[in-house]
C-alpha atoms as a PDB file:
ATOM      1  CA  UNK A   1     -15.994  13.814  -2.037  1.00  0.00           C
ATOM      2  CA  UNK A   2     -13.033  13.270   0.234  1.00  0.00           C
ATOM      3  CA  UNK A   3     -11.068  10.013   0.197  1.00  0.00           C
ATOM      4  CA  UNK A   4     -11.333   8.459   3.696  1.00  0.00           C
ATOM      5  CA  UNK A   5      -8.202   6.338   3.176  1.00  0.00           C
ATOM      6  CA  UNK A   6      -5.796   8.821   4.723  1.00  0.00           C
ATOM      7  CA  UNK A   7      -7.861   9.218   7.879  1.00  0.00           C
ATOM      8  CA  UNK A   8      -8.237   5.459   8.266  1.00  0.00           C
ATOM      9  CA  UNK A   9      -4.551   4.663   7.836  1.00  0.00           C
ATOM     10  CA  UNK A  10      -3.447   7.399  10.257  1.00  0.00           C
ATOM     11  CA  UNK A  11      -5.239   5.511  13.024  1.00  0.00           C
ATOM     12  CA  UNK A  12      -3.438   2.206  12.343  1.00  0.00           C
ATOM     13  CA  UNK A  13      -0.298   1.210  14.207  1.00  0.00           C
ATOM     14  CA  UNK A  14       2.673   0.017  12.151  1.00  0.00           C
ATOM     15  CA  UNK A  15       1.783  -3.692  12.424  1.00  0.00           C
ATOM     16  CA  UNK A  16      -1.765  -3.158  11.183  1.00  0.00           C
ATOM     17  CA  UNK A  17      -0.559  -0.802   8.473  1.00  0.00           C
ATOM     18  CA  UNK A  18       1.892  -3.445   7.211  1.00  0.00           C
ATOM     19  CA  UNK A  19      -0.906  -6.039   7.240  1.00  0.00           C
ATOM     20  CA  UNK A  20      -3.122  -3.728   5.192  1.00  0.00           C
ATOM     21  CA  UNK A  21      -0.358  -3.203   2.638  1.00  0.00           C
ATOM     22  CA  UNK A  22       0.181  -6.974   2.408  1.00  0.00           C
ATOM     23  CA  UNK A  23      -3.519  -7.554   1.704  1.00  0.00           C
ATOM     24  CA  UNK A  24      -3.530  -4.849  -0.969  1.00  0.00           C
ATOM     25  CA  UNK A  25      -0.384  -6.375  -2.502  1.00  0.00           C
ATOM     26  CA  UNK A  26      -1.980  -9.829  -2.607  1.00  0.00           C
ATOM     27  CA  UNK A  27      -5.050  -8.363  -4.293  1.00  0.00           C
ATOM     28  CA  UNK A  28      -2.883  -6.564  -6.855  1.00  0.00           C
ATOM     29  CA  UNK A  29      -1.003  -9.790  -7.610  1.00  0.00           C
ATOM     30  CA  UNK A  30      -4.156 -11.970  -7.692  1.00  0.00           C
ATOM     31  CA  UNK A  31      -4.183 -12.229 -11.483  1.00  0.00           C
ATOM     32  CA  UNK A  32      -0.653 -13.665 -11.410  1.00  0.00           C
ATOM     33  CA  UNK A  33       0.902 -10.617 -13.052  1.00  0.00           C
ATOM     34  CA  UNK A  34       2.508  -7.582 -11.461  1.00  0.00           C
ATOM     35  CA  UNK A  35       4.212  -5.574 -14.182  1.00  0.00           C
ATOM     36  CA  UNK A  36       6.793  -2.868 -13.569  1.00  0.00           C
ATOM     37  CA  UNK A  37       4.120  -0.267 -14.345  1.00  0.00           C
ATOM     38  CA  UNK A  38       1.742  -1.821 -11.801  1.00  0.00           C
ATOM     39  CA  UNK A  39       4.563  -2.102  -9.266  1.00  0.00           C
ATOM     40  CA  UNK A  40       5.503   1.570  -9.667  1.00  0.00           C
ATOM     41  CA  UNK A  41       1.878   2.675  -9.309  1.00  0.00           C
ATOM     42  CA  UNK A  42       1.371   0.399  -6.297  1.00  0.00           C
ATOM     43  CA  UNK A  43       4.503   1.727  -4.594  1.00  0.00           C
ATOM     44  CA  UNK A  44       3.540   5.368  -5.148  1.00  0.00           C
ATOM     45  CA  UNK A  45      -0.009   4.737  -3.952  1.00  0.00           C
ATOM     46  CA  UNK A  46       1.065   2.927  -0.784  1.00  0.00           C
ATOM     47  CA  UNK A  47       3.708   5.530   0.051  1.00  0.00           C
ATOM     48  CA  UNK A  48       1.100   8.266  -0.336  1.00  0.00           C
ATOM     49  CA  UNK A  49      -1.565   6.390   1.628  1.00  0.00           C
ATOM     50  CA  UNK A  50       0.808   5.548   4.485  1.00  0.00           C
ATOM     51  CA  UNK A  51       2.460   8.982   4.401  1.00  0.00           C
ATOM     52  CA  UNK A  52       5.855   7.266   4.294  1.00  0.00           C
ATOM     53  CA  UNK A  53       5.370   5.662   7.721  1.00  0.00           C
ATOM     54  CA  UNK A  54       6.661   2.299   6.498  1.00  0.00           C
ATOM     55  CA  UNK A  55       9.834   3.693   4.980  1.00  0.00           C
ATOM     56  CA  UNK A  56      11.043   2.406   1.644  1.00  0.00           C
ATOM     57  CA  UNK A  57       8.923  -0.426   0.287  1.00  0.00           C
ATOM     58  CA  UNK A  58      10.623  -3.661  -0.650  1.00  0.00           C
ATOM     59  CA  UNK A  59       8.451  -5.667  -3.014  1.00  0.00           C
ATOM     60  CA  UNK A  60      10.059  -9.033  -3.568  1.00  0.00           C
END
């Protein structure tokens, strides 16, 4: 089964892609914790999903 995420994100312009990443970040942080391990995994996942279109992620 193929992951449809790549195809979906390719169709988004930069503004919508940033909004999607923000929503995913808020969901990841919903439990009030965002460890270094979670942060590293999140960053790798977003960079892969967005194919680097957003440049270097700054998670502050």
